[in-house]
Amino acid sequence: MKLIEQIKNLGAHNAAIVEVSDIPFEPSLIDMCKMNTCGNYGKSWVCPPLSGEIDDLIARAKQYKRMLVFQAVYPLEDSFDIEGMFAANESFRKLTVDIDRVCRAEWTDILTLSAGKCAICDECGAITNEPCRAPDRAYAALEAYGIFVSKLAEVSGIKYINGVNTVTYFGGILFN
């Protein structure tokens, strides 16, 4: 498929299109967000609980028919390379912006989801009681929509774990 090759040429290592009806949604993933491991719970417009109720987000995702799932794998110095993980996530967010642009040229109504917390602004408008400053580039994480990423990888035929000293990120574009 031409689009998959285009996505790979942008820097994705793998991509596939899956039916939304095959996506493994798991509302209890919100519990991981509530543990606030990333420190962003309640501090970003695209993170829970400010992103919306999990059942509403899942229902919104299910309004689409298909999802373009994409993945990128980044090398790390070792399994404790936190700086490398942050740099890889920033690179993946840029890749997501590029893929979003290509998909918006293809489809008029899409929902773009990415990996991890939004890092566009130094301080999210949610903290300062302002609206999102970059709503066209502020993507929620797949998990914020209740998508079980390791199972999504399985459904899409894309490897979830890609070897030692690597970090793998997934994103998705929902479309009709």
N, C-alpha and C. Protein backbone atom coordinates (compact mmCIF):
# COMPACT_ATOMS: atom_id res chain seq x y z
N MET A 1 0.83 -1.18 0.00
CA MET A 1 0.00 0.00 0.00
C MET A 1 0.88 1.25 0.00
N LYS A 2 0.54 2.20 -0.84
CA LYS A 2 1.32 3.42 -1.02
C LYS A 2 1.46 4.21 0.28
N LEU A 3 0.38 4.35 1.04
CA LEU A 3 0.41 5.12 2.28
C LEU A 3 1.37 4.51 3.29
N ILE A 4 1.37 3.21 3.42
CA ILE A 4 2.27 2.54 4.38
C ILE A 4 3.73 2.84 4.00
N GLU A 5 4.05 2.75 2.73
CA GLU A 5 5.42 3.06 2.28
C GLU A 5 5.76 4.52 2.57
N GLN A 6 4.82 5.41 2.35
CA GLN A 6 5.03 6.83 2.62
C GLN A 6 5.32 7.05 4.11
N ILE A 7 4.56 6.37 4.97
CA ILE A 7 4.76 6.48 6.43
C ILE A 7 6.14 5.95 6.81
N LYS A 8 6.54 4.84 6.22
CA LYS A 8 7.87 4.30 6.50
C LYS A 8 8.96 5.23 6.01
N ASN A 9 8.75 5.88 4.88
CA ASN A 9 9.74 6.83 4.36
C ASN A 9 9.90 8.04 5.28
N LEU A 10 8.88 8.34 6.06
CA LEU A 10 8.97 9.44 7.03
C LEU A 10 9.80 9.06 8.25
N GLY A 11 9.97 7.76 8.48
CA GLY A 11 10.77 7.32 9.63
C GLY A 11 10.14 6.24 10.48
N ALA A 12 8.90 5.86 10.19
CA ALA A 12 8.28 4.76 10.94
C ALA A 12 8.97 3.45 10.53
N HIS A 13 9.20 2.59 11.49
CA HIS A 13 9.81 1.29 11.16
C HIS A 13 8.77 0.32 10.63
N ASN A 14 7.56 0.42 11.15
CA ASN A 14 6.47 -0.45 10.71
C ASN A 14 5.17 0.33 10.75
N ALA A 15 4.24 -0.13 9.93
CA ALA A 15 2.90 0.47 9.92
C ALA A 15 1.93 -0.56 9.36
N ALA A 16 0.71 -0.47 9.82
CA ALA A 16 -0.34 -1.38 9.35
C ALA A 16 -1.68 -0.70 9.56
N ILE A 17 -2.67 -1.16 8.83
CA ILE A 17 -4.03 -0.66 9.02
C ILE A 17 -4.86 -1.78 9.61
N VAL A 18 -5.56 -1.46 10.71
CA VAL A 18 -6.42 -2.44 11.39
C VAL A 18 -7.83 -1.89 11.48
N GLU A 19 -8.77 -2.78 11.63
CA GLU A 19 -10.16 -2.39 11.85
C GLU A 19 -10.31 -1.96 13.31
N VAL A 20 -11.04 -0.89 13.53
CA VAL A 20 -11.25 -0.41 14.90
C VAL A 20 -11.95 -1.48 15.73
N SER A 21 -12.81 -2.26 15.10
CA SER A 21 -13.50 -3.33 15.82
C SER A 21 -12.54 -4.39 16.36
N ASP A 22 -11.31 -4.43 15.84
CA ASP A 22 -10.30 -5.39 16.31
C ASP A 22 -9.38 -4.80 17.38
N ILE A 23 -9.52 -3.51 17.65
CA ILE A 23 -8.64 -2.85 18.62
C ILE A 23 -9.02 -3.27 20.04
N PRO A 24 -8.02 -3.70 20.82
CA PRO A 24 -8.29 -4.10 22.21
C PRO A 24 -8.37 -2.90 23.15
N PHE A 25 -9.58 -2.46 23.42
CA PHE A 25 -9.79 -1.35 24.36
C PHE A 25 -9.87 -1.93 25.77
N GLU A 26 -9.27 -1.23 26.71
CA GLU A 26 -9.27 -1.67 28.10
C GLU A 26 -9.44 -0.44 29.00
N PRO A 27 -10.69 -0.19 29.45
CA PRO A 27 -10.95 0.99 30.28
C PRO A 27 -10.10 1.07 31.54
N SER A 28 -9.67 -0.06 32.08
CA SER A 28 -8.90 -0.04 33.33
C SER A 28 -7.49 0.52 33.14
N LEU A 29 -7.06 0.75 31.91
CA LEU A 29 -5.74 1.37 31.69
C LEU A 29 -5.68 2.75 32.34
N ILE A 30 -6.82 3.37 32.52
CA ILE A 30 -6.88 4.68 33.16
C ILE A 30 -6.28 4.62 34.57
N ASP A 31 -6.32 3.44 35.19
CA ASP A 31 -5.75 3.29 36.53
C ASP A 31 -4.25 3.54 36.52
N MET A 32 -3.56 3.18 35.43
CA MET A 32 -2.13 3.47 35.33
C MET A 32 -1.91 4.98 35.29
N CYS A 33 -2.79 5.68 34.57
CA CYS A 33 -2.67 7.14 34.53
C CYS A 33 -2.90 7.74 35.92
N LYS A 34 -3.86 7.20 36.64
CA LYS A 34 -4.17 7.72 37.97
C LYS A 34 -3.00 7.57 38.93
N MET A 35 -2.12 6.60 38.68
CA MET A 35 -0.93 6.43 39.53
C MET A 35 0.06 7.57 39.29
N ASN A 36 -0.13 8.33 38.23
CA ASN A 36 0.65 9.54 37.92
C ASN A 36 2.15 9.29 37.85
N THR A 37 2.53 8.18 37.25
CA THR A 37 3.95 7.85 37.10
C THR A 37 4.69 8.91 36.30
N CYS A 38 4.04 9.46 35.28
CA CYS A 38 4.70 10.47 34.43
C CYS A 38 4.60 11.87 35.03
N GLY A 39 3.78 12.03 36.06
CA GLY A 39 3.63 13.34 36.69
C GLY A 39 2.72 14.28 35.93
N ASN A 40 1.97 13.76 34.97
CA ASN A 40 1.14 14.62 34.13
C ASN A 40 -0.36 14.48 34.38
N TYR A 41 -0.75 13.60 35.28
CA TYR A 41 -2.16 13.39 35.56
C TYR A 41 -2.79 14.69 36.06
N GLY A 42 -3.81 15.16 35.35
CA GLY A 42 -4.49 16.38 35.73
C GLY A 42 -3.73 17.65 35.39
N LYS A 43 -2.65 17.53 34.62
CA LYS A 43 -1.82 18.70 34.30
C LYS A 43 -1.69 18.93 32.81
N SER A 44 -2.49 18.22 32.00
CA SER A 44 -2.42 18.38 30.55
C SER A 44 -3.80 18.17 29.95
N TRP A 45 -4.12 18.96 28.94
CA TRP A 45 -5.42 18.83 28.29
C TRP A 45 -5.59 17.49 27.59
N VAL A 46 -4.51 16.82 27.23
CA VAL A 46 -4.63 15.54 26.52
C VAL A 46 -4.39 14.33 27.42
N CYS A 47 -4.24 14.56 28.71
CA CYS A 47 -4.07 13.46 29.66
C CYS A 47 -5.29 13.40 30.59
N PRO A 48 -5.56 12.20 31.10
CA PRO A 48 -6.64 12.08 32.08
C PRO A 48 -6.35 12.92 33.31
N PRO A 49 -7.32 13.35 34.00
CA PRO A 49 -8.75 13.27 33.70
C PRO A 49 -9.24 14.39 32.78
N LEU A 50 -8.34 15.35 32.45
CA LEU A 50 -8.76 16.50 31.66
C LEU A 50 -9.12 16.13 30.22
N SER A 51 -8.60 15.02 29.73
CA SER A 51 -8.88 14.60 28.35
C SER A 51 -10.31 14.08 28.19
N GLY A 52 -10.95 13.75 29.30
CA GLY A 52 -12.32 13.27 29.25
C GLY A 52 -12.48 11.93 29.94
N GLU A 53 -13.71 11.52 30.09
CA GLU A 53 -14.01 10.22 30.71
C GLU A 53 -13.60 9.10 29.77
N ILE A 54 -13.02 8.05 30.32
CA ILE A 54 -12.50 6.96 29.50
C ILE A 54 -13.57 6.34 28.61
N ASP A 55 -14.77 6.16 29.11
CA ASP A 55 -15.83 5.56 28.29
C ASP A 55 -16.18 6.48 27.11
N ASP A 56 -16.15 7.78 27.32
CA ASP A 56 -16.42 8.73 26.24
C ASP A 56 -15.30 8.71 25.20
N LEU A 57 -14.05 8.60 25.67
CA LEU A 57 -12.92 8.56 24.75
C LEU A 57 -12.94 7.28 23.91
N ILE A 58 -13.25 6.17 24.55
CA ILE A 58 -13.36 4.90 23.80
C ILE A 58 -14.48 5.00 22.78
N ALA A 59 -15.62 5.56 23.19
CA ALA A 59 -16.75 5.72 22.26
C ALA A 59 -16.35 6.62 21.09
N ARG A 60 -15.59 7.67 21.37
CA ARG A 60 -15.13 8.56 20.28
C ARG A 60 -14.24 7.79 19.30
N ALA A 61 -13.32 7.00 19.83
CA ALA A 61 -12.44 6.21 18.97
C ALA A 61 -13.23 5.21 18.13
N LYS A 62 -14.25 4.63 18.74
CA LYS A 62 -15.04 3.62 18.03
C LYS A 62 -15.95 4.20 16.95
N GLN A 63 -16.00 5.52 16.85
CA GLN A 63 -16.76 6.15 15.77
C GLN A 63 -16.03 6.02 14.43
N TYR A 64 -14.76 5.68 14.49
CA TYR A 64 -13.96 5.51 13.28
C TYR A 64 -13.97 4.03 12.88
N LYS A 65 -13.68 3.77 11.61
CA LYS A 65 -13.70 2.40 11.10
C LYS A 65 -12.33 1.72 11.15
N ARG A 66 -11.28 2.50 10.88
CA ARG A 66 -9.95 1.90 10.79
C ARG A 66 -8.92 2.75 11.53
N MET A 67 -7.78 2.11 11.77
CA MET A 67 -6.67 2.82 12.39
C MET A 67 -5.38 2.47 11.66
N LEU A 68 -4.63 3.52 11.32
CA LEU A 68 -3.27 3.34 10.83
C LEU A 68 -2.40 3.27 12.08
N VAL A 69 -1.81 2.13 12.32
CA VAL A 69 -0.93 1.92 13.47
C VAL A 69 0.51 2.08 12.97
N PHE A 70 1.31 2.86 13.66
CA PHE A 70 2.71 3.01 13.26
C PHE A 70 3.61 2.90 14.47
N GLN A 71 4.84 2.51 14.19
CA GLN A 71 5.80 2.22 15.25
C GLN A 71 7.18 2.69 14.83
N ALA A 72 7.97 3.12 15.79
CA ALA A 72 9.37 3.42 15.55
C ALA A 72 10.18 2.85 16.71
N VAL A 73 11.36 2.35 16.38
CA VAL A 73 12.26 1.73 17.35
C VAL A 73 13.52 2.58 17.42
N TYR A 74 13.94 2.90 18.63
CA TYR A 74 15.10 3.77 18.81
C TYR A 74 16.15 3.05 19.67
N PRO A 75 17.43 3.20 19.31
CA PRO A 75 18.50 2.57 20.11
C PRO A 75 18.74 3.36 21.40
N LEU A 76 19.12 2.63 22.42
CA LEU A 76 19.50 3.23 23.70
C LEU A 76 20.91 2.77 24.06
N GLU A 77 21.61 3.55 24.87
CA GLU A 77 22.93 3.13 25.33
C GLU A 77 22.83 1.88 26.20
N ASP A 78 21.82 1.87 27.07
CA ASP A 78 21.54 0.72 27.92
C ASP A 78 20.11 0.87 28.43
N SER A 79 19.67 -0.08 29.22
CA SER A 79 18.26 -0.07 29.66
C SER A 79 17.96 1.04 30.67
N PHE A 80 18.98 1.76 31.14
CA PHE A 80 18.79 2.87 32.08
C PHE A 80 18.98 4.23 31.41
N ASP A 81 19.01 4.26 30.09
CA ASP A 81 19.27 5.48 29.32
C ASP A 81 18.00 6.35 29.25
N ILE A 82 17.71 7.02 30.36
CA ILE A 82 16.51 7.84 30.45
C ILE A 82 16.57 9.00 29.46
N GLU A 83 17.74 9.65 29.33
CA GLU A 83 17.87 10.74 28.36
C GLU A 83 17.59 10.25 26.95
N GLY A 84 18.08 9.05 26.63
CA GLY A 84 17.84 8.47 25.31
C GLY A 84 16.36 8.20 25.08
N MET A 85 15.66 7.77 26.13
CA MET A 85 14.22 7.52 26.03
C MET A 85 13.46 8.82 25.78
N PHE A 86 13.85 9.89 26.50
CA PHE A 86 13.21 11.19 26.30
C PHE A 86 13.48 11.72 24.89
N ALA A 87 14.72 11.59 24.43
CA ALA A 87 15.07 12.05 23.08
C ALA A 87 14.29 11.24 22.03
N ALA A 88 14.17 9.94 22.26
CA ALA A 88 13.42 9.09 21.34
C ALA A 88 11.95 9.49 21.32
N ASN A 89 11.40 9.79 22.49
CA ASN A 89 9.99 10.20 22.54
C ASN A 89 9.79 11.51 21.80
N GLU A 90 10.72 12.44 21.95
CA GLU A 90 10.62 13.72 21.23
C GLU A 90 10.69 13.47 19.72
N SER A 91 11.58 12.60 19.31
CA SER A 91 11.69 12.25 17.89
C SER A 91 10.40 11.60 17.39
N PHE A 92 9.83 10.74 18.23
CA PHE A 92 8.58 10.08 17.84
C PHE A 92 7.44 11.08 17.74
N ARG A 93 7.40 12.05 18.63
CA ARG A 93 6.34 13.08 18.56
C ARG A 93 6.46 13.86 17.25
N LYS A 94 7.68 14.15 16.82
CA LYS A 94 7.88 14.84 15.54
C LYS A 94 7.44 13.95 14.38
N LEU A 95 7.75 12.67 14.47
CA LEU A 95 7.30 11.72 13.46
C LEU A 95 5.77 11.69 13.40
N THR A 96 5.14 11.72 14.56
CA THR A 96 3.67 11.73 14.62
C THR A 96 3.10 12.96 13.92
N VAL A 97 3.72 14.12 14.11
CA VAL A 97 3.28 15.34 13.44
C VAL A 97 3.37 15.16 11.92
N ASP A 98 4.47 14.59 11.45
CA ASP A 98 4.65 14.36 10.01
C ASP A 98 3.61 13.39 9.46
N ILE A 99 3.36 12.32 10.21
CA ILE A 99 2.38 11.33 9.77
C ILE A 99 0.98 11.93 9.80
N ASP A 100 0.69 12.72 10.81
CA ASP A 100 -0.60 13.41 10.90
C ASP A 100 -0.81 14.29 9.66
N ARG A 101 0.22 15.03 9.25
CA ARG A 101 0.12 15.91 8.08
C ARG A 101 -0.21 15.10 6.82
N VAL A 102 0.47 13.99 6.63
CA VAL A 102 0.22 13.13 5.46
C VAL A 102 -1.21 12.59 5.49
N CYS A 103 -1.65 12.16 6.66
CA CYS A 103 -2.99 11.57 6.77
C CYS A 103 -4.09 12.62 6.60
N ARG A 104 -3.84 13.85 7.05
CA ARG A 104 -4.84 14.91 6.86
C ARG A 104 -5.00 15.25 5.38
N ALA A 105 -3.97 15.02 4.59
CA ALA A 105 -4.08 15.22 3.14
C ALA A 105 -4.88 14.08 2.51
N GLU A 106 -4.90 12.94 3.18
CA GLU A 106 -5.60 11.75 2.68
C GLU A 106 -7.07 11.70 3.13
N TRP A 107 -7.31 12.04 4.41
CA TRP A 107 -8.64 11.95 5.00
C TRP A 107 -9.00 13.26 5.70
N THR A 108 -10.27 13.60 5.69
CA THR A 108 -10.67 14.87 6.31
C THR A 108 -10.94 14.75 7.80
N ASP A 109 -11.39 13.61 8.26
CA ASP A 109 -11.75 13.43 9.67
C ASP A 109 -10.87 12.34 10.28
N ILE A 110 -9.90 12.76 11.09
CA ILE A 110 -9.01 11.79 11.73
C ILE A 110 -8.86 12.12 13.21
N LEU A 111 -8.41 11.14 13.95
CA LEU A 111 -8.05 11.31 15.35
C LEU A 111 -6.65 10.73 15.50
N THR A 112 -5.70 11.59 15.87
CA THR A 112 -4.31 11.18 16.00
C THR A 112 -3.97 10.93 17.46
N LEU A 113 -3.39 9.77 17.72
CA LEU A 113 -2.95 9.40 19.06
C LEU A 113 -1.47 9.05 18.98
N SER A 114 -0.75 9.30 20.07
CA SER A 114 0.69 9.09 20.05
C SER A 114 1.13 8.31 21.29
N ALA A 115 2.39 8.50 21.65
CA ALA A 115 2.96 7.79 22.79
C ALA A 115 3.38 8.79 23.87
N GLY A 116 3.07 8.46 25.09
CA GLY A 116 3.51 9.29 26.20
C GLY A 116 2.78 10.60 26.31
N LYS A 117 3.31 11.43 27.18
CA LYS A 117 2.65 12.71 27.46
C LYS A 117 2.98 13.73 26.38
N CYS A 118 2.14 14.72 26.26
CA CYS A 118 2.36 15.82 25.34
C CYS A 118 3.53 16.65 25.89
N ALA A 119 4.42 17.05 25.01
CA ALA A 119 5.58 17.82 25.44
C ALA A 119 5.77 19.07 24.59
N ILE A 120 4.72 19.54 23.97
CA ILE A 120 4.84 20.69 23.07
C ILE A 120 5.17 21.95 23.85
N CYS A 121 4.42 22.23 24.90
CA CYS A 121 4.62 23.46 25.69
C CYS A 121 5.44 23.15 26.93
N ASP A 122 6.21 24.11 27.37
CA ASP A 122 6.95 23.94 28.62
C ASP A 122 6.00 23.77 29.78
N GLU A 123 4.88 24.49 29.73
CA GLU A 123 3.84 24.38 30.74
C GLU A 123 2.49 24.38 30.03
N CYS A 124 1.73 23.32 30.24
CA CYS A 124 0.43 23.19 29.57
C CYS A 124 -0.53 24.27 30.04
N GLY A 125 -1.36 24.73 29.11
CA GLY A 125 -2.39 25.71 29.44
C GLY A 125 -3.34 25.22 30.51
N ALA A 126 -3.45 23.90 30.69
CA ALA A 126 -4.32 23.36 31.73
C ALA A 126 -3.86 23.82 33.11
N ILE A 127 -2.57 24.00 33.29
CA ILE A 127 -2.03 24.42 34.58
C ILE A 127 -2.33 25.89 34.84
N THR A 128 -2.33 26.69 33.78
CA THR A 128 -2.53 28.14 33.91
C THR A 128 -3.95 28.57 33.56
N ASN A 129 -4.86 27.60 33.48
CA ASN A 129 -6.27 27.88 33.16
C ASN A 129 -6.45 28.53 31.80
N GLU A 130 -5.65 28.11 30.83
CA GLU A 130 -5.76 28.60 29.46
C GLU A 130 -6.12 27.42 28.55
N PRO A 131 -6.69 27.70 27.39
CA PRO A 131 -6.95 26.62 26.45
C PRO A 131 -5.64 26.06 25.89
N CYS A 132 -5.72 24.92 25.28
CA CYS A 132 -4.56 24.31 24.65
C CYS A 132 -3.98 25.27 23.61
N ARG A 133 -2.68 25.45 23.64
CA ARG A 133 -2.01 26.38 22.73
C ARG A 133 -1.71 25.75 21.37
N ALA A 134 -1.77 24.44 21.28
CA ALA A 134 -1.44 23.74 20.03
C ALA A 134 -2.39 22.56 19.81
N PRO A 135 -3.68 22.83 19.72
CA PRO A 135 -4.63 21.72 19.63
C PRO A 135 -4.46 20.83 18.40
N ASP A 136 -3.83 21.36 17.35
CA ASP A 136 -3.60 20.56 16.16
C ASP A 136 -2.40 19.62 16.29
N ARG A 137 -1.58 19.82 17.33
CA ARG A 137 -0.39 18.98 17.53
C ARG A 137 -0.32 18.33 18.91
N ALA A 138 -1.31 18.57 19.73
CA ALA A 138 -1.34 18.00 21.08
C ALA A 138 -2.10 16.68 21.03
N TYR A 139 -1.35 15.61 20.95
CA TYR A 139 -1.96 14.29 20.79
C TYR A 139 -2.01 13.56 22.12
N ALA A 140 -3.15 12.97 22.41
CA ALA A 140 -3.27 12.11 23.59
C ALA A 140 -2.53 10.81 23.32
N ALA A 141 -2.18 10.14 24.38
CA ALA A 141 -1.55 8.82 24.26
C ALA A 141 -2.61 7.78 23.91
N LEU A 142 -2.18 6.74 23.24
CA LEU A 142 -3.08 5.62 22.94
C LEU A 142 -3.76 5.12 24.21
N GLU A 143 -2.99 5.00 25.29
CA GLU A 143 -3.52 4.49 26.55
C GLU A 143 -4.60 5.39 27.14
N ALA A 144 -4.50 6.69 26.90
CA ALA A 144 -5.51 7.62 27.41
C ALA A 144 -6.88 7.30 26.81
N TYR A 145 -6.88 6.67 25.64
CA TYR A 145 -8.11 6.25 24.99
C TYR A 145 -8.43 4.78 25.27
N GLY A 146 -7.73 4.22 26.24
CA GLY A 146 -8.00 2.85 26.65
C GLY A 146 -7.48 1.80 25.69
N ILE A 147 -6.50 2.15 24.86
CA ILE A 147 -5.96 1.19 23.89
C ILE A 147 -4.78 0.48 24.52
N PHE A 148 -4.88 -0.83 24.58
CA PHE A 148 -3.86 -1.70 25.15
C PHE A 148 -2.80 -1.89 24.08
N VAL A 149 -1.68 -1.18 24.19
CA VAL A 149 -0.72 -1.08 23.09
C VAL A 149 -0.08 -2.43 22.74
N SER A 150 0.30 -3.22 23.72
CA SER A 150 0.94 -4.50 23.38
C SER A 150 -0.02 -5.40 22.61
N LYS A 151 -1.30 -5.35 22.95
CA LYS A 151 -2.29 -6.13 22.20
C LYS A 151 -2.57 -5.51 20.83
N LEU A 152 -2.53 -4.17 20.74
CA LEU A 152 -2.68 -3.50 19.45
C LEU A 152 -1.55 -3.92 18.51
N ALA A 153 -0.34 -4.02 19.05
CA ALA A 153 0.80 -4.47 18.25
C ALA A 153 0.53 -5.87 17.69
N GLU A 154 0.02 -6.73 18.55
CA GLU A 154 -0.29 -8.11 18.13
C GLU A 154 -1.34 -8.12 17.02
N VAL A 155 -2.42 -7.36 17.19
CA VAL A 155 -3.50 -7.29 16.20
C VAL A 155 -2.97 -6.75 14.86
N SER A 156 -2.04 -5.80 14.93
CA SER A 156 -1.54 -5.18 13.71
C SER A 156 -0.37 -5.94 13.08
N GLY A 157 0.11 -6.98 13.77
CA GLY A 157 1.22 -7.76 13.23
C GLY A 157 2.57 -7.06 13.34
N ILE A 158 2.68 -6.14 14.30
CA ILE A 158 3.92 -5.39 14.50
C ILE A 158 4.53 -5.81 15.83
N LYS A 159 5.85 -6.06 15.83
CA LYS A 159 6.53 -6.47 17.06
C LYS A 159 6.44 -5.37 18.12
N TYR A 160 6.16 -5.80 19.34
CA TYR A 160 6.07 -4.87 20.46
C TYR A 160 7.43 -4.67 21.12
N ILE A 161 8.16 -5.75 21.29
CA ILE A 161 9.49 -5.71 21.90
C ILE A 161 10.52 -5.94 20.80
N ASN A 162 11.52 -5.07 20.74
CA ASN A 162 12.44 -5.09 19.62
C ASN A 162 13.90 -5.20 20.03
N GLY A 163 14.17 -5.92 21.09
CA GLY A 163 15.54 -6.21 21.47
C GLY A 163 16.04 -5.35 22.62
N VAL A 164 17.17 -5.79 23.15
CA VAL A 164 17.79 -5.08 24.26
C VAL A 164 18.29 -3.72 23.79
N ASN A 165 18.35 -2.81 24.72
CA ASN A 165 18.85 -1.46 24.46
C ASN A 165 18.11 -0.75 23.32
N THR A 166 16.79 -0.95 23.32
CA THR A 166 15.93 -0.21 22.40
C THR A 166 14.69 0.24 23.15
N VAL A 167 14.06 1.27 22.62
CA VAL A 167 12.75 1.68 23.11
C VAL A 167 11.86 1.77 21.87
N THR A 168 10.64 1.29 22.01
CA THR A 168 9.70 1.25 20.90
C THR A 168 8.49 2.09 21.25
N TYR A 169 8.09 2.95 20.32
CA TYR A 169 6.91 3.79 20.51
C TYR A 169 5.90 3.50 19.41
N PHE A 170 4.62 3.56 19.80
CA PHE A 170 3.50 3.34 18.88
C PHE A 170 2.62 4.57 18.84
N GLY A 171 2.03 4.79 17.68
CA GLY A 171 1.02 5.82 17.51
C GLY A 171 -0.06 5.29 16.59
N GLY A 172 -1.12 6.07 16.44
CA GLY A 172 -2.21 5.63 15.58
C GLY A 172 -3.02 6.80 15.05
N ILE A 173 -3.52 6.62 13.85
CA ILE A 173 -4.40 7.59 13.23
C ILE A 173 -5.72 6.88 12.95
N LEU A 174 -6.77 7.29 13.63
CA LEU A 174 -8.09 6.72 13.39
C LEU A 174 -8.75 7.49 12.25
N PHE A 175 -9.40 6.75 11.34
CA PHE A 175 -10.02 7.37 10.17
C PHE A 175 -11.18 6.52 9.68
N ASN A 176 -11.98 7.09 8.80
CA ASN A 176 -13.10 6.36 8.19
C ASN A 176 -12.81 6.06 6.73
